[in-house]
């Protein structure tokens, strides 16, 4: 193996796109601080393998037919806000799989988080909030943990789970205050 130096020319924004037929293992930092990281997996999972794995970007877009992170190995994100443009994460598990994400620093801002047949667990050291009024979180069981912030604010995450997609259980945990996301 030989190291490969990568440089971006002609733009202040770089994007990282990974398309895979099979599992993608994140064992080092994937960084596009002012851009988008897109990982699309058919017939597999997106998993963190090791303590150095991290996805850092303004926009993180993850799709897989199986797990995106897992309860035994949480997938870490680091959303970067650029000026007035707030970072966000979207994650869709279209088959049988769970979504387990933790924000590394600050707030976790969600777009669409959807586990077709699995559980969703989201955590952040700050708050968990919606990127837009159409943001939603759906899955079999939802666990949202904001260690030093709130889960939702007035008006956001109200569509956390559409009425036709009611989960079997919801666990919300935050400090110092909990906003009713419904």
C-alpha atoms as a PDB file:
ATOM      1  CA  UNK A   1       0.000   0.000   0.000  1.00  0.00           C
ATOM      2  CA  UNK A   2       1.203   3.479  -0.897  1.00  0.00           C
ATOM      3  CA  UNK A   3      -0.248   6.702   0.492  1.00  0.00           C
ATOM      4  CA  UNK A   4      -2.175   8.773  -2.045  1.00  0.00           C
ATOM      5  CA  UNK A   5      -2.230  12.557  -1.721  1.00  0.00           C
ATOM      6  CA  UNK A   6      -5.554  14.148  -2.708  1.00  0.00           C
ATOM      7  CA  UNK A   7      -5.979  17.861  -3.384  1.00  0.00           C
ATOM      8  CA  UNK A   8      -9.057  19.805  -4.395  1.00  0.00           C
ATOM      9  CA  UNK A   9      -8.587  22.450  -7.058  1.00  0.00           C
ATOM     10  CA  UNK A  10     -10.924  25.204  -8.212  1.00  0.00           C
ATOM     11  CA  UNK A  11     -13.436  25.179  -5.359  1.00  0.00           C
ATOM     12  CA  UNK A  12     -13.575  25.797  -1.644  1.00  0.00           C
ATOM     13  CA  UNK A  13     -16.038  22.923  -1.262  1.00  0.00           C
ATOM     14  CA  UNK A  14     -15.150  19.279  -1.688  1.00  0.00           C
ATOM     15  CA  UNK A  15     -17.589  16.394  -1.652  1.00  0.00           C
ATOM     16  CA  UNK A  16     -16.995  12.719  -0.913  1.00  0.00           C
ATOM     17  CA  UNK A  17     -19.217  10.097  -2.576  1.00  0.00           C
ATOM     18  CA  UNK A  18     -18.972   6.352  -1.925  1.00  0.00           C
ATOM     19  CA  UNK A  19     -21.204   3.890  -3.796  1.00  0.00           C
ATOM     20  CA  UNK A  20     -20.821   0.256  -2.776  1.00  0.00           C
ATOM     21  CA  UNK A  21     -22.408  -3.123  -3.395  1.00  0.00           C
ATOM     22  CA  UNK A  22     -21.589  -4.487   0.054  1.00  0.00           C
ATOM     23  CA  UNK A  23     -20.606  -3.141   3.474  1.00  0.00           C
ATOM     24  CA  UNK A  24     -18.752   0.143   3.964  1.00  0.00           C
ATOM     25  CA  UNK A  25     -16.550   0.186   7.071  1.00  0.00           C
ATOM     26  CA  UNK A  26     -15.599   3.601   8.426  1.00  0.00           C
ATOM     27  CA  UNK A  27     -12.334   3.150  10.337  1.00  0.00           C
ATOM     28  CA  UNK A  28     -10.808   6.620   9.811  1.00  0.00           C
ATOM     29  CA  UNK A  29     -12.140  10.155   9.395  1.00  0.00           C
ATOM     30  CA  UNK A  30     -14.069  10.909   6.199  1.00  0.00           C
ATOM     31  CA  UNK A  31     -13.979  14.694   5.892  1.00  0.00           C
ATOM     32  CA  UNK A  32     -15.697  17.187   3.594  1.00  0.00           C
ATOM     33  CA  UNK A  33     -16.093  19.986   6.141  1.00  0.00           C
ATOM     34  CA  UNK A  34     -17.670  22.523   3.769  1.00  0.00           C
ATOM     35  CA  UNK A  35     -19.302  19.916   1.546  1.00  0.00           C
ATOM     36  CA  UNK A  36     -21.293  16.704   1.498  1.00  0.00           C
ATOM     37  CA  UNK A  37     -20.383  13.122   2.359  1.00  0.00           C
ATOM     38  CA  UNK A  38     -22.687  10.662   0.582  1.00  0.00           C
ATOM     39  CA  UNK A  39     -22.440   6.930   1.250  1.00  0.00           C
ATOM     40  CA  UNK A  40     -24.878   4.684  -0.653  1.00  0.00           C
ATOM     41  CA  UNK A  41     -24.781   0.937  -0.022  1.00  0.00           C
ATOM     42  CA  UNK A  42     -26.815  -1.685  -1.829  1.00  0.00           C
ATOM     43  CA  UNK A  43     -26.807  -5.121  -0.234  1.00  0.00           C
ATOM     44  CA  UNK A  44     -25.030  -4.152   2.976  1.00  0.00           C
ATOM     45  CA  UNK A  45     -24.409  -1.841   5.917  1.00  0.00           C
ATOM     46  CA  UNK A  46     -22.505   1.304   6.829  1.00  0.00           C
ATOM     47  CA  UNK A  47     -20.577   0.546  10.004  1.00  0.00           C
ATOM     48  CA  UNK A  48     -17.876   2.090  12.150  1.00  0.00           C
ATOM     49  CA  UNK A  49     -14.923  -0.207  12.720  1.00  0.00           C
ATOM     50  CA  UNK A  50     -12.603   1.310  15.288  1.00  0.00           C
ATOM     51  CA  UNK A  51     -12.469   4.352  17.519  1.00  0.00           C
ATOM     52  CA  UNK A  52     -11.043   6.654  14.796  1.00  0.00           C
ATOM     53  CA  UNK A  53     -14.026   6.340  12.465  1.00  0.00           C
ATOM     54  CA  UNK A  54     -15.880   9.620  11.964  1.00  0.00           C
ATOM     55  CA  UNK A  55     -17.869  11.288   9.176  1.00  0.00           C
ATOM     56  CA  UNK A  56     -17.349  15.065   9.166  1.00  0.00           C
ATOM     57  CA  UNK A  57     -19.259  17.304   6.735  1.00  0.00           C
ATOM     58  CA  UNK A  58     -21.798  20.063   6.364  1.00  0.00           C
ATOM     59  CA  UNK A  59     -24.254  17.533   4.900  1.00  0.00           C
ATOM     60  CA  UNK A  60     -24.134  13.792   5.593  1.00  0.00           C
ATOM     61  CA  UNK A  61     -26.347  11.560   3.424  1.00  0.00           C
ATOM     62  CA  UNK A  62     -26.354   7.836   4.259  1.00  0.00           C
ATOM     63  CA  UNK A  63     -28.393   5.075   2.604  1.00  0.00           C
ATOM     64  CA  UNK A  64     -28.097   1.324   3.089  1.00  0.00           C
ATOM     65  CA  UNK A  65     -30.218  -1.788   2.733  1.00  0.00           C
ATOM     66  CA  UNK A  66     -29.097  -2.970   6.187  1.00  0.00           C
ATOM     67  CA  UNK A  67     -27.661  -1.205   9.279  1.00  0.00           C
ATOM     68  CA  UNK A  68     -26.351   2.338   9.440  1.00  0.00           C
ATOM     69  CA  UNK A  69     -24.272   2.066  12.577  1.00  0.00           C
ATOM     70  CA  UNK A  70     -25.351  -0.512  15.106  1.00  0.00           C
ATOM     71  CA  UNK A  71     -25.980  -0.755  18.829  1.00  0.00           C
ATOM     72  CA  UNK A  72     -22.601  -2.423  19.390  1.00  0.00           C
ATOM     73  CA  UNK A  73     -20.691   0.060  17.200  1.00  0.00           C
ATOM     74  CA  UNK A  74     -22.288   3.505  16.916  1.00  0.00           C
ATOM     75  CA  UNK A  75     -21.528   5.481  13.737  1.00  0.00           C
ATOM     76  CA  UNK A  76     -20.071   8.879  14.698  1.00  0.00           C
ATOM     77  CA  UNK A  77     -20.828  12.105  12.838  1.00  0.00           C
ATOM     78  CA  UNK A  78     -19.462  15.630  13.136  1.00  0.00           C
ATOM     79  CA  UNK A  79     -21.776  18.159  11.493  1.00  0.00           C
ATOM     80  CA  UNK A  80     -20.039  21.372  10.421  1.00  0.00           C
ATOM     81  CA  UNK A  81     -22.015  24.593  10.019  1.00  0.00           C
ATOM     82  CA  UNK A  82     -20.693  26.999   7.377  1.00  0.00           C
ATOM     83  CA  UNK A  83     -21.739  30.575   8.111  1.00  0.00           C
ATOM     84  CA  UNK A  84     -25.531  30.557   8.244  1.00  0.00           C
ATOM     85  CA  UNK A  85     -25.779  27.113   6.611  1.00  0.00           C
ATOM     86  CA  UNK A  86     -26.434  24.578   9.365  1.00  0.00           C
ATOM     87  CA  UNK A  87     -25.103  21.057   8.898  1.00  0.00           C
ATOM     88  CA  UNK A  88     -27.575  18.158   8.712  1.00  0.00           C
ATOM     89  CA  UNK A  89     -27.690  14.388   8.486  1.00  0.00           C
ATOM     90  CA  UNK A  90     -30.066  12.192   6.485  1.00  0.00           C
ATOM     91  CA  UNK A  91     -30.029   8.395   6.911  1.00  0.00           C
ATOM     92  CA  UNK A  92     -32.295   5.753   5.369  1.00  0.00           C
ATOM     93  CA  UNK A  93     -32.117   2.009   5.999  1.00  0.00           C
ATOM     94  CA  UNK A  94     -34.427   0.576   3.339  1.00  0.00           C
ATOM     95  CA  UNK A  95     -34.275  -3.086   4.348  1.00  0.00           C
ATOM     96  CA  UNK A  96     -33.920  -4.856   7.674  1.00  0.00           C
ATOM     97  CA  UNK A  97     -31.541  -2.712   9.668  1.00  0.00           C
ATOM     98  CA  UNK A  98     -31.210  -0.236  12.474  1.00  0.00           C
ATOM     99  CA  UNK A  99     -29.850   3.319  12.457  1.00  0.00           C
ATOM    100  CA  UNK A 100     -27.528   4.229  15.336  1.00  0.00           C
ATOM    101  CA  UNK A 101     -25.825   7.626  15.071  1.00  0.00           C
ATOM    102  CA  UNK A 102     -24.089   9.898  17.537  1.00  0.00           C
ATOM    103  CA  UNK A 103     -23.002  13.479  16.929  1.00  0.00           C
ATOM    104  CA  UNK A 104     -19.432  13.985  18.076  1.00  0.00           C
ATOM    105  CA  UNK A 105     -19.608  17.693  18.916  1.00  0.00           C
ATOM    106  CA  UNK A 106     -22.616  19.952  19.498  1.00  0.00           C
ATOM    107  CA  UNK A 107     -26.096  19.529  18.078  1.00  0.00           C
ATOM    108  CA  UNK A 108     -27.415  16.774  15.829  1.00  0.00           C
ATOM    109  CA  UNK A 109     -29.564  18.368  13.128  1.00  0.00           C
ATOM    110  CA  UNK A 110     -31.709  15.804  11.312  1.00  0.00           C
ATOM    111  CA  UNK A 111     -33.335  15.847   7.901  1.00  0.00           C
ATOM    112  CA  UNK A 112     -34.902  12.433   7.281  1.00  0.00           C
ATOM    113  CA  UNK A 113     -33.922   9.499   9.485  1.00  0.00           C
ATOM    114  CA  UNK A 114     -35.846   6.357   8.521  1.00  0.00           C
ATOM    115  CA  UNK A 115     -35.341   2.700   9.431  1.00  0.00           C
ATOM    116  CA  UNK A 116     -37.811   0.686   7.379  1.00  0.00           C
ATOM    117  CA  UNK A 117     -37.811  -2.373   9.670  1.00  0.00           C
ATOM    118  CA  UNK A 118     -35.461  -1.467  12.516  1.00  0.00           C
ATOM    119  CA  UNK A 119     -34.867   0.755  15.515  1.00  0.00           C
ATOM    120  CA  UNK A 120     -33.427   4.283  15.477  1.00  0.00           C
ATOM    121  CA  UNK A 121     -31.088   5.599  18.187  1.00  0.00           C
ATOM    122  CA  UNK A 122     -29.744   9.149  17.909  1.00  0.00           C
ATOM    123  CA  UNK A 123     -27.559  10.929  20.454  1.00  0.00           C
ATOM    124  CA  UNK A 124     -25.735  14.233  20.768  1.00  0.00           C
ATOM    125  CA  UNK A 125     -23.767  16.102  23.417  1.00  0.00           C
ATOM    126  CA  UNK A 126     -25.974  19.131  22.605  1.00  0.00           C
ATOM    127  CA  UNK A 127     -29.531  19.133  21.234  1.00  0.00           C
ATOM    128  CA  UNK A 128     -31.316  17.048  18.598  1.00  0.00           C
ATOM    129  CA  UNK A 129     -33.267  19.338  16.255  1.00  0.00           C
ATOM    130  CA  UNK A 130     -34.948  19.302  12.854  1.00  0.00           C
ATOM    131  CA  UNK A 131     -33.283  20.798   9.776  1.00  0.00           C
ATOM    132  CA  UNK A 132     -36.627  21.870   8.262  1.00  0.00           C
ATOM    133  CA  UNK A 133     -40.335  21.724   9.021  1.00  0.00           C
ATOM    134  CA  UNK A 134     -40.564  18.530   6.934  1.00  0.00           C
ATOM    135  CA  UNK A 135     -37.821  16.695   8.874  1.00  0.00           C
ATOM    136  CA  UNK A 136     -38.823  13.357  10.365  1.00  0.00           C
ATOM    137  CA  UNK A 137     -37.496  10.412  12.335  1.00  0.00           C
ATOM    138  CA  UNK A 138     -39.169   7.024  11.849  1.00  0.00           C
ATOM    139  CA  UNK A 139     -38.452   3.474  12.901  1.00  0.00           C
ATOM    140  CA  UNK A 140     -39.711   0.557  14.979  1.00  0.00           C
ATOM    141  CA  UNK A 141     -38.408   1.978  18.288  1.00  0.00           C
ATOM    142  CA  UNK A 142     -36.982   5.507  18.661  1.00  0.00           C
ATOM    143  CA  UNK A 143     -34.362   6.513  21.235  1.00  0.00           C
ATOM    144  CA  UNK A 144     -33.297  10.166  21.136  1.00  0.00           C
ATOM    145  CA  UNK A 145     -30.707  11.317  23.688  1.00  0.00           C
ATOM    146  CA  UNK A 146     -29.487  14.910  24.041  1.00  0.00           C
ATOM    147  CA  UNK A 147     -26.926  14.974  26.865  1.00  0.00           C
ATOM    148  CA  UNK A 148     -26.732  18.754  27.430  1.00  0.00           C
ATOM    149  CA  UNK A 149     -29.564  20.146  25.357  1.00  0.00           C
ATOM    150  CA  UNK A 150     -33.106  19.518  24.241  1.00  0.00           C
ATOM    151  CA  UNK A 151     -34.878  17.066  21.961  1.00  0.00           C
ATOM    152  CA  UNK A 152     -36.784  19.263  19.575  1.00  0.00           C
ATOM    153  CA  UNK A 153     -37.839  22.862  19.933  1.00  0.00           C
ATOM    154  CA  UNK A 154     -41.208  24.490  19.508  1.00  0.00           C
ATOM    155  CA  UNK A 155     -42.425  23.422  16.068  1.00  0.00           C
ATOM    156  CA  UNK A 156     -39.544  21.174  15.042  1.00  0.00           C
ATOM    157  CA  UNK A 157     -39.546  17.372  15.090  1.00  0.00           C
ATOM    158  CA  UNK A 158     -43.333  17.553  15.448  1.00  0.00           C
ATOM    159  CA  UNK A 159     -43.469  15.163  12.499  1.00  0.00           C
ATOM    160  CA  UNK A 160     -40.988  12.921  14.254  1.00  0.00           C
ATOM    161  CA  UNK A 161     -43.071   9.939  13.383  1.00  0.00           C
ATOM    162  CA  UNK A 162     -45.933  10.165  10.902  1.00  0.00           C
ATOM    163  CA  UNK A 163     -49.228   8.794  12.191  1.00  0.00           C
ATOM    164  CA  UNK A 164     -49.130   5.963   9.660  1.00  0.00           C
ATOM    165  CA  UNK A 165     -45.691   4.948  10.980  1.00  0.00           C
ATOM    166  CA  UNK A 166     -46.224   4.844  14.750  1.00  0.00           C
ATOM    167  CA  UNK A 167     -43.268   3.188  16.531  1.00  0.00           C
ATOM    168  CA  UNK A 168     -43.689   0.534  19.206  1.00  0.00           C
ATOM    169  CA  UNK A 169     -41.875   2.757  21.729  1.00  0.00           C
ATOM    170  CA  UNK A 170     -40.211   6.152  22.033  1.00  0.00           C
ATOM    171  CA  UNK A 171     -37.550   7.049  24.590  1.00  0.00           C
ATOM    172  CA  UNK A 172     -36.537  10.715  24.894  1.00  0.00           C
ATOM    173  CA  UNK A 173     -33.732  11.776  27.187  1.00  0.00           C
ATOM    174  CA  UNK A 174     -32.143  15.179  27.589  1.00  0.00           C
ATOM    175  CA  UNK A 175     -30.810  17.668  30.039  1.00  0.00           C
ATOM    176  CA  UNK A 176     -31.611  20.317  31.135  1.00  0.00           C
ATOM    177  CA  UNK A 177     -35.005  20.407  29.428  1.00  0.00           C
ATOM    178  CA  UNK A 178     -37.235  18.313  27.231  1.00  0.00           C
ATOM    179  CA  UNK A 179     -39.353  19.964  24.582  1.00  0.00           C
ATOM    180  CA  UNK A 180     -42.416  18.032  23.494  1.00  0.00           C
ATOM    181  CA  UNK A 181     -41.605  17.035  19.912  1.00  0.00           C
ATOM    182  CA  UNK A 182     -45.201  16.017  19.163  1.00  0.00           C
END
